[in-house]
PDB file of N, CA and C in Angstrom:
ATOM      1  N   MET A   1       0.721 -30.094 -14.739  1.00  0.00           N
ATOM      2  CA  MET A   1      -0.150 -29.649 -14.689  1.00  0.00           C
ATOM      3  C   MET A   1      -1.605 -30.068 -14.408  1.00  0.00           C
ATOM      4  N   ILE A   2      -1.639 -31.951 -14.502  1.00  0.00           N
ATOM      5  CA  ILE A   2      -3.345 -32.484 -14.081  1.00  0.00           C
ATOM      6  C   ILE A   2      -3.400 -32.013 -12.705  1.00  0.00           C
ATOM      7  N   ILE A   3      -2.623 -32.061 -12.042  1.00  0.00           N
ATOM      8  CA  ILE A   3      -2.977 -31.649 -10.734  1.00  0.00           C
ATOM      9  C   ILE A   3      -3.611 -30.031 -10.265  1.00  0.00           C
ATOM     10  N   LEU A   4      -2.902 -28.976 -11.136  1.00  0.00           N
ATOM     11  CA  LEU A   4      -4.040 -28.231 -10.655  1.00  0.00           C
ATOM     12  C   LEU A   4      -4.874 -27.660 -11.121  1.00  0.00           C
ATOM     13  N   ARG A   5      -5.340 -28.646 -12.853  1.00  0.00           N
ATOM     14  CA  ARG A   5      -6.527 -28.614 -13.030  1.00  0.00           C
ATOM     15  C   ARG A   5      -7.452 -30.013 -11.500  1.00  0.00           C
ATOM     16  N   VAL A   6      -6.696 -30.964 -11.705  1.00  0.00           N
ATOM     17  CA  VAL A   6      -7.692 -31.576 -10.300  1.00  0.00           C
ATOM     18  C   VAL A   6      -7.812 -30.550  -8.997  1.00  0.00           C
ATOM     19  N   LEU A   7      -6.641 -29.703  -9.023  1.00  0.00           N
ATOM     20  CA  LEU A   7      -7.237 -28.699  -7.787  1.00  0.00           C
ATOM     21  C   LEU A   7      -8.163 -28.173  -8.140  1.00  0.00           C
ATOM     22  N   VAL A   8      -8.026 -26.726  -9.259  1.00  0.00           N
ATOM     23  CA  VAL A   8      -8.673 -26.115  -9.147  1.00  0.00           C
ATOM     24  C   VAL A   8     -10.698 -26.979  -8.919  1.00  0.00           C
ATOM     25  N   ALA A   9     -10.567 -28.293  -9.761  1.00  0.00           N
ATOM     26  CA  ALA A   9     -11.845 -28.989  -9.884  1.00  0.00           C
ATOM     27  C   ALA A   9     -12.717 -28.769  -8.604  1.00  0.00           C
ATOM     28  N   VAL A  10     -11.003 -29.576  -7.288  1.00  0.00           N
ATOM     29  CA  VAL A  10     -11.651 -29.648  -6.406  1.00  0.00           C
ATOM     30  C   VAL A  10     -12.417 -28.635  -5.158  1.00  0.00           C
ATOM     31  N   PHE A  11     -11.770 -27.876  -5.627  1.00  0.00           N
ATOM     32  CA  PHE A  11     -11.910 -25.569  -4.764  1.00  0.00           C
ATOM     33  C   PHE A  11     -13.034 -25.376  -5.395  1.00  0.00           C
ATOM     34  N   ALA A  12     -13.217 -25.740  -6.620  1.00  0.00           N
ATOM     35  CA  ALA A  12     -14.291 -25.091  -6.880  1.00  0.00           C
ATOM     36  C   ALA A  12     -15.854 -25.979  -6.701  1.00  0.00           C
ATOM     37  N   LEU A  13     -15.973 -27.281  -7.103  1.00  0.00           N
ATOM     38  CA  LEU A  13     -16.377 -28.194  -6.515  1.00  0.00           C
ATOM     39  C   LEU A  13     -16.597 -27.893  -5.007  1.00  0.00           C
ATOM     40  N   ASN A  14     -15.977 -27.197  -4.174  1.00  0.00           N
ATOM     41  CA  ASN A  14     -15.637 -27.602  -2.803  1.00  0.00           C
ATOM     42  C   ASN A  14     -17.100 -26.136  -1.957  1.00  0.00           C
ATOM     43  N   ILE A  15     -17.119 -25.285  -3.128  1.00  0.00           N
ATOM     44  CA  ILE A  15     -17.461 -23.710  -3.082  1.00  0.00           C
ATOM     45  C   ILE A  15     -18.496 -24.210  -3.225  1.00  0.00           C
ATOM     46  N   VAL A  16     -19.347 -24.654  -4.702  1.00  0.00           N
ATOM     47  CA  VAL A  16     -20.437 -24.774  -5.178  1.00  0.00           C
ATOM     48  C   VAL A  16     -21.391 -25.732  -4.399  1.00  0.00           C
ATOM     49  N   PHE A  17     -21.076 -26.811  -3.751  1.00  0.00           N
ATOM     50  CA  PHE A  17     -21.501 -27.794  -3.058  1.00  0.00           C
ATOM     51  C   PHE A  17     -21.573 -27.111  -1.792  1.00  0.00           C
ATOM     52  N   SER A  18     -21.302 -26.571  -1.212  1.00  0.00           N
ATOM     53  CA  SER A  18     -20.499 -26.020   0.706  1.00  0.00           C
ATOM     54  C   SER A  18     -21.734 -26.063   0.835  1.00  0.00           C
ATOM     55  N   SER A  19     -21.546 -26.299   2.272  1.00  0.00           N
ATOM     56  CA  SER A  19     -23.392 -25.506   3.649  1.00  0.00           C
ATOM     57  C   SER A  19     -22.445 -24.223   3.624  1.00  0.00           C
ATOM     58  N   THR A  20     -23.737 -23.988   4.695  1.00  0.00           N
ATOM     59  CA  THR A  20     -23.638 -22.720   4.845  1.00  0.00           C
ATOM     60  C   THR A  20     -23.157 -23.111   6.345  1.00  0.00           C
ATOM     61  N   VAL A  21     -22.193 -21.695   6.739  1.00  0.00           N
ATOM     62  CA  VAL A  21     -21.216 -21.902   7.708  1.00  0.00           C
ATOM     63  C   VAL A  21     -21.642 -20.909   9.148  1.00  0.00           C
ATOM     64  N   ASP A  22     -21.615 -21.386  10.160  1.00  0.00           N
ATOM     65  CA  ASP A  22     -21.626 -20.414  10.951  1.00  0.00           C
ATOM     66  C   ASP A  22     -20.627 -19.847  11.492  1.00  0.00           C
ATOM     67  N   ALA A  23     -20.425 -18.596  11.592  1.00  0.00           N
ATOM     68  CA  ALA A  23     -19.275 -18.259  12.207  1.00  0.00           C
ATOM     69  C   ALA A  23     -18.805 -17.113  12.901  1.00  0.00           C
ATOM     70  N   TYR A  24     -17.895 -16.118  13.014  1.00  0.00           N
ATOM     71  CA  TYR A  24     -18.101 -15.038  13.989  1.00  0.00           C
ATOM     72  C   TYR A  24     -16.551 -14.670  14.289  1.00  0.00           C
ATOM     73  N   ILE A  25     -16.825 -13.151  13.995  1.00  0.00           N
ATOM     74  CA  ILE A  25     -15.761 -12.027  14.068  1.00  0.00           C
ATOM     75  C   ILE A  25     -15.169 -12.462  16.033  1.00  0.00           C
ATOM     76  N   ASP A  26     -14.051 -12.631  16.591  1.00  0.00           N
ATOM     77  CA  ASP A  26     -13.505 -12.592  17.948  1.00  0.00           C
ATOM     78  C   ASP A  26     -14.034 -11.498  18.055  1.00  0.00           C
ATOM     79  N   PRO A  27     -13.962 -10.701  19.228  1.00  0.00           N
ATOM     80  CA  PRO A  27     -14.292  -9.555  19.281  1.00  0.00           C
ATOM     81  C   PRO A  27     -13.012  -9.078  20.077  1.00  0.00           C
ATOM     82  N   ASN A  28     -12.263  -9.982  20.512  1.00  0.00           N
ATOM     83  CA  ASN A  28     -10.525  -9.305  20.059  1.00  0.00           C
ATOM     84  C   ASN A  28     -10.077  -9.108  19.084  1.00  0.00           C
ATOM     85  N   THR A  29     -10.671  -9.586  17.850  1.00  0.00           N
ATOM     86  CA  THR A  29      -9.848  -9.399  16.785  1.00  0.00           C
ATOM     87  C   THR A  29     -10.279  -7.515  16.447  1.00  0.00           C
ATOM     88  N   GLY A  30     -10.293  -7.019  16.944  1.00  0.00           N
ATOM     89  CA  GLY A  30     -10.440  -5.368  16.712  1.00  0.00           C
ATOM     90  C   GLY A  30      -8.933  -4.948  17.279  1.00  0.00           C
ATOM     91  N   GLY A  31      -8.925  -5.080  18.542  1.00  0.00           N
ATOM     92  CA  GLY A  31      -8.160  -5.225  19.206  1.00  0.00           C
ATOM     93  C   GLY A  31      -6.880  -5.337  18.826  1.00  0.00           C
ATOM     94  N   PHE A  32      -6.484  -6.446  18.526  1.00  0.00           N
ATOM     95  CA  PHE A  32      -5.247  -6.837  17.733  1.00  0.00           C
ATOM     96  C   PHE A  32      -5.306  -6.439  16.349  1.00  0.00           C
ATOM     97  N   PHE A  33      -6.446  -5.596  15.844  1.00  0.00           N
ATOM     98  CA  PHE A  33      -6.251  -5.021  14.645  1.00  0.00           C
ATOM     99  C   PHE A  33      -5.600  -3.563  14.620  1.00  0.00           C
ATOM    100  N   PHE A  34      -6.143  -3.031  16.035  1.00  0.00           N
ATOM    101  CA  PHE A  34      -5.661  -1.727  16.006  1.00  0.00           C
ATOM    102  C   PHE A  34      -4.175  -1.991  16.392  1.00  0.00           C
ATOM    103  N   GLN A  35      -3.647  -3.083  17.504  1.00  0.00           N
ATOM    104  CA  GLN A  35      -2.562  -3.067  18.281  1.00  0.00           C
ATOM    105  C   GLN A  35      -1.416  -3.142  16.494  1.00  0.00           C
ATOM    106  N   THR A  36      -2.073  -3.961  15.626  1.00  0.00           N
ATOM    107  CA  THR A  36      -1.226  -4.279  14.354  1.00  0.00           C
ATOM    108  C   THR A  36      -1.175  -2.876  13.388  1.00  0.00           C
ATOM    109  N   VAL A  37      -2.092  -1.652  13.564  1.00  0.00           N
ATOM    110  CA  VAL A  37      -1.998  -0.733  12.647  1.00  0.00           C
ATOM    111  C   VAL A  37      -1.387   0.038  13.024  1.00  0.00           C
ATOM    112  N   ALA A  38      -2.218   0.698  13.949  1.00  0.00           N
ATOM    113  CA  ALA A  38      -1.724   1.921  14.593  1.00  0.00           C
ATOM    114  C   ALA A  38      -0.678   2.267  15.000  1.00  0.00           C
ATOM    115  N   PRO A  39       0.635   0.770  15.385  1.00  0.00           N
ATOM    116  CA  PRO A  39       2.081   1.288  15.256  1.00  0.00           C
ATOM    117  C   PRO A  39       2.874   1.378  13.752  1.00  0.00           C
ATOM    118  N   PHE A  40       2.649   1.219  12.742  1.00  0.00           N
ATOM    119  CA  PHE A  40       2.513   1.018  11.351  1.00  0.00           C
ATOM    120  C   PHE A  40       2.689   2.328  11.390  1.00  0.00           C
ATOM    121  N   VAL A  41       1.072   2.961  11.767  1.00  0.00           N
ATOM    122  CA  VAL A  41       0.959   4.127  10.814  1.00  0.00           C
ATOM    123  C   VAL A  41       1.959   5.169  11.573  1.00  0.00           C
ATOM    124  N   TYR A  42       1.741   5.179  13.264  1.00  0.00           N
ATOM    125  CA  TYR A  42       2.331   6.402  13.547  1.00  0.00           C
ATOM    126  C   TYR A  42       3.833   5.905  13.768  1.00  0.00           C
ATOM    127  N   GLY A  43       4.449   5.249  12.305  1.00  0.00           N
ATOM    128  CA  GLY A  43       5.526   4.936  12.524  1.00  0.00           C
ATOM    129  C   GLY A  43       5.866   5.130  10.562  1.00  0.00           C
ATOM    130  N   ILE A  44       5.094   5.810   9.841  1.00  0.00           N
ATOM    131  CA  ILE A  44       4.826   6.071   8.800  1.00  0.00           C
ATOM    132  C   ILE A  44       4.902   7.431   9.533  1.00  0.00           C
ATOM    133  N   LEU A  45       4.309   8.201   9.794  1.00  0.00           N
ATOM    134  CA  LEU A  45       4.133   9.919  10.478  1.00  0.00           C
ATOM    135  C   LEU A  45       5.229  10.460  11.150  1.00  0.00           C
ATOM    136  N   GLY A  46       5.782   9.941  11.389  1.00  0.00           N
ATOM    137  CA  GLY A  46       7.068  10.233  12.099  1.00  0.00           C
ATOM    138  C   GLY A  46       7.826  10.213  11.516  1.00  0.00           C
ATOM    139  N   VAL A  47       8.585   8.935  10.358  1.00  0.00           N
ATOM    140  CA  VAL A  47       8.912   9.222   9.426  1.00  0.00           C
ATOM    141  C   VAL A  47       9.091  11.120   8.623  1.00  0.00           C
ATOM    142  N   ILE A  48       7.652  10.712   7.940  1.00  0.00           N
ATOM    143  CA  ILE A  48       7.107  11.886   7.558  1.00  0.00           C
ATOM    144  C   ILE A  48       7.736  13.183   8.514  1.00  0.00           C
ATOM    145  N   VAL A  49       7.437  13.170   9.941  1.00  0.00           N
ATOM    146  CA  VAL A  49       7.571  14.436  10.794  1.00  0.00           C
ATOM    147  C   VAL A  49       9.591  14.606  10.450  1.00  0.00           C
ATOM    148  N   VAL A  50      10.275  13.598  10.662  1.00  0.00           N
ATOM    149  CA  VAL A  50      11.700  13.756  10.277  1.00  0.00           C
ATOM    150  C   VAL A  50      12.355  13.974   9.217  1.00  0.00           C
ATOM    151  N   PHE A  51      11.644  13.662   8.073  1.00  0.00           N
ATOM    152  CA  PHE A  51      11.916  13.845   6.466  1.00  0.00           C
ATOM    153  C   PHE A  51      11.228  15.190   6.125  1.00  0.00           C
ATOM    154  N   TRP A  52      10.395  15.661   6.605  1.00  0.00           N
ATOM    155  CA  TRP A  52       9.404  16.617   6.564  1.00  0.00           C
ATOM    156  C   TRP A  52      10.352  17.445   5.093  1.00  0.00           C
ATOM    157  N   LYS A  53      11.178  18.496   5.472  1.00  0.00           N
ATOM    158  CA  LYS A  53      11.887  19.264   4.510  1.00  0.00           C
ATOM    159  C   LYS A  53      12.405  18.938   3.756  1.00  0.00           C
ATOM    160  N   ARG A  54      13.499  17.362   3.526  1.00  0.00           N
ATOM    161  CA  ARG A  54      13.382  16.703   2.173  1.00  0.00           C
ATOM    162  C   ARG A  54      11.947  16.481   1.815  1.00  0.00           C
ATOM    163  N   ILE A  55      11.168  15.845   1.940  1.00  0.00           N
ATOM    164  CA  ILE A  55      10.040  15.809   0.912  1.00  0.00           C
ATOM    165  C   ILE A  55       9.404  16.714   0.087  1.00  0.00           C
ATOM    166  N   THR A  56       9.041  18.153   1.391  1.00  0.00           N
ATOM    167  CA  THR A  56       8.474  19.283   0.622  1.00  0.00           C
ATOM    168  C   THR A  56       9.636  19.756  -0.734  1.00  0.00           C
ATOM    169  N   GLY A  57      11.052  19.629  -0.167  1.00  0.00           N
ATOM    170  CA  GLY A  57      12.120  20.550  -1.285  1.00  0.00           C
ATOM    171  C   GLY A  57      11.848  19.117  -2.535  1.00  0.00           C
ATOM    172  N   TYR A  58      12.047  18.210  -2.530  1.00  0.00           N
ATOM    173  CA  TYR A  58      11.650  17.232  -3.298  1.00  0.00           C
ATOM    174  C   TYR A  58      10.598  17.691  -4.330  1.00  0.00           C
ATOM    175  N   VAL A  59       9.176  17.535  -3.828  1.00  0.00           N
ATOM    176  CA  VAL A  59       7.689  18.280  -4.401  1.00  0.00           C
ATOM    177  C   VAL A  59       8.016  19.404  -5.355  1.00  0.00           C
ATOM    178  N   LYS A  60       8.313  20.236  -4.344  1.00  0.00           N
ATOM    179  CA  LYS A  60       9.197  21.411  -5.326  1.00  0.00           C
ATOM    180  C   LYS A  60      10.280  21.401  -5.892  1.00  0.00           C
ATOM    181  N   GLY A  61      10.430  20.393  -6.196  1.00  0.00           N
ATOM    182  CA  GLY A  61      11.942  20.439  -6.782  1.00  0.00           C
ATOM    183  C   GLY A  61      11.041  19.666  -8.168  1.00  0.00           C
ATOM    184  N   LEU A  62      10.101  19.622  -8.242  1.00  0.00           N
ATOM    185  CA  LEU A  62       9.198  18.254  -9.073  1.00  0.00           C
ATOM    186  C   LEU A  62       8.388  19.378 -10.240  1.00  0.00           C
ATOM    187  N   PHE A  63       8.110  20.156  -9.597  1.00  0.00           N
ATOM    188  CA  PHE A  63       7.165  21.780  -9.995  1.00  0.00           C
ATOM    189  C   PHE A  63       7.710  22.658 -10.137  1.00  0.00           C
ATOM    190  N   CYS A  64       9.267  23.021  -9.824  1.00  0.00           N
ATOM    191  CA  CYS A  64       9.794  24.055 -10.122  1.00  0.00           C
ATOM    192  C   CYS A  64      10.448  24.426 -11.266  1.00  0.00           C
ATOM    193  N   SER A  65      10.387  25.212 -12.499  1.00  0.00           N
ATOM    194  CA  SER A  65      10.706  25.452 -13.037  1.00  0.00           C
ATOM    195  C   SER A  65      12.124  26.447 -13.593  1.00  0.00           C
ATOM    196  N   LYS A  66      13.149  26.131 -13.326  1.00  0.00           N
ATOM    197  CA  LYS A  66      14.899  26.587 -13.247  1.00  0.00           C
ATOM    198  C   LYS A  66      14.617  26.344 -14.825  1.00  0.00           C
ATOM    199  N   LYS A  67      15.525  27.464 -15.193  1.00  0.00           N
ATOM    200  CA  LYS A  67      16.588  28.085 -16.295  1.00  0.00           C
ATOM    201  C   LYS A  67      17.352  27.013 -16.108  1.00  0.00           C
ATOM    202  N   ASP A  68      18.013  26.261 -17.434  1.00  0.00           N
ATOM    203  CA  ASP A  68      18.891  25.729 -17.828  1.00  0.00           C
ATOM    204  C   ASP A  68      20.743  27.259 -18.215  1.00  0.00           C
ATOM    205  N   PRO A  69      21.497  27.005 -16.816  1.00  0.00           N
ATOM    206  CA  PRO A  69      22.758  28.103 -17.159  1.00  0.00           C
ATOM    207  C   PRO A  69      23.396  28.002 -18.291  1.00  0.00           C
ATOM    208  N   ASN A  70      23.245  26.606 -18.687  1.00  0.00           N
ATOM    209  CA  ASN A  70      23.882  26.511 -20.214  1.00  0.00           C
ATOM    210  C   ASN A  70      22.546  27.077 -21.637  1.00  0.00           C
ATOM    211  N   ASN A  71      21.564  27.446 -21.564  1.00  0.00           N
ATOM    212  CA  ASN A  71      20.724  27.579 -22.512  1.00  0.00           C
ATOM    213  C   ASN A  71      21.006  29.142 -22.784  1.00  0.00           C
ATOM    214  N   HIS A  72      21.078  29.159 -24.344  1.00  0.00           N
ATOM    215  CA  HIS A  72      21.974  30.824 -23.865  1.00  0.00           C
ATOM    216  C   HIS A  72      21.021  31.530 -25.175  1.00  0.00           C
ATOM    217  N   SER A  73      20.142  30.466 -25.955  1.00  0.00           N
ATOM    218  CA  SER A  73      19.337  30.689 -26.873  1.00  0.00           C
ATOM    219  C   SER A  73      17.985  32.152 -25.900  1.00  0.00           C
ATOM    220  N   GLU A  74      17.663  32.399 -25.419  1.00  0.00           N
ATOM    221  CA  GLU A  74      17.275  34.046 -25.536  1.00  0.00           C
ATOM    222  C   GLU A  74      18.053  35.372 -25.616  1.00  0.00           C
ATOM    223  N   ASN A  75      19.116  35.388 -25.120  1.00  0.00           N
ATOM    224  CA  ASN A  75      20.241  36.074 -25.546  1.00  0.00           C
ATOM    225  C   ASN A  75      20.267  36.285 -27.036  1.00  0.00           C
ATOM    226  N   GLU A  76      20.567  35.413 -27.665  1.00  0.00           N
ATOM    227  CA  GLU A  76      20.841  34.964 -29.161  1.00  0.00           C
ATOM    228  C   GLU A  76      20.404  35.581 -30.277  1.00  0.00           C
TER     229      GLU A  76
END
């Protein structure tokens, strides 16, 4: 437990007393981001297209009010 407290104290002191840092985003970062996110998005869209009928059937089942065939209280 004492090690955790020391690490937190060192981290906090490092943030408080750090000087300014000159940093930049590499121009290729946008391309890398696009190359990793675009296939994921297209994969999700492909799953939605393939399973569209199942998805819509599930959603309709959530909002559809079906009568219970075993409930005969209306006729009695």
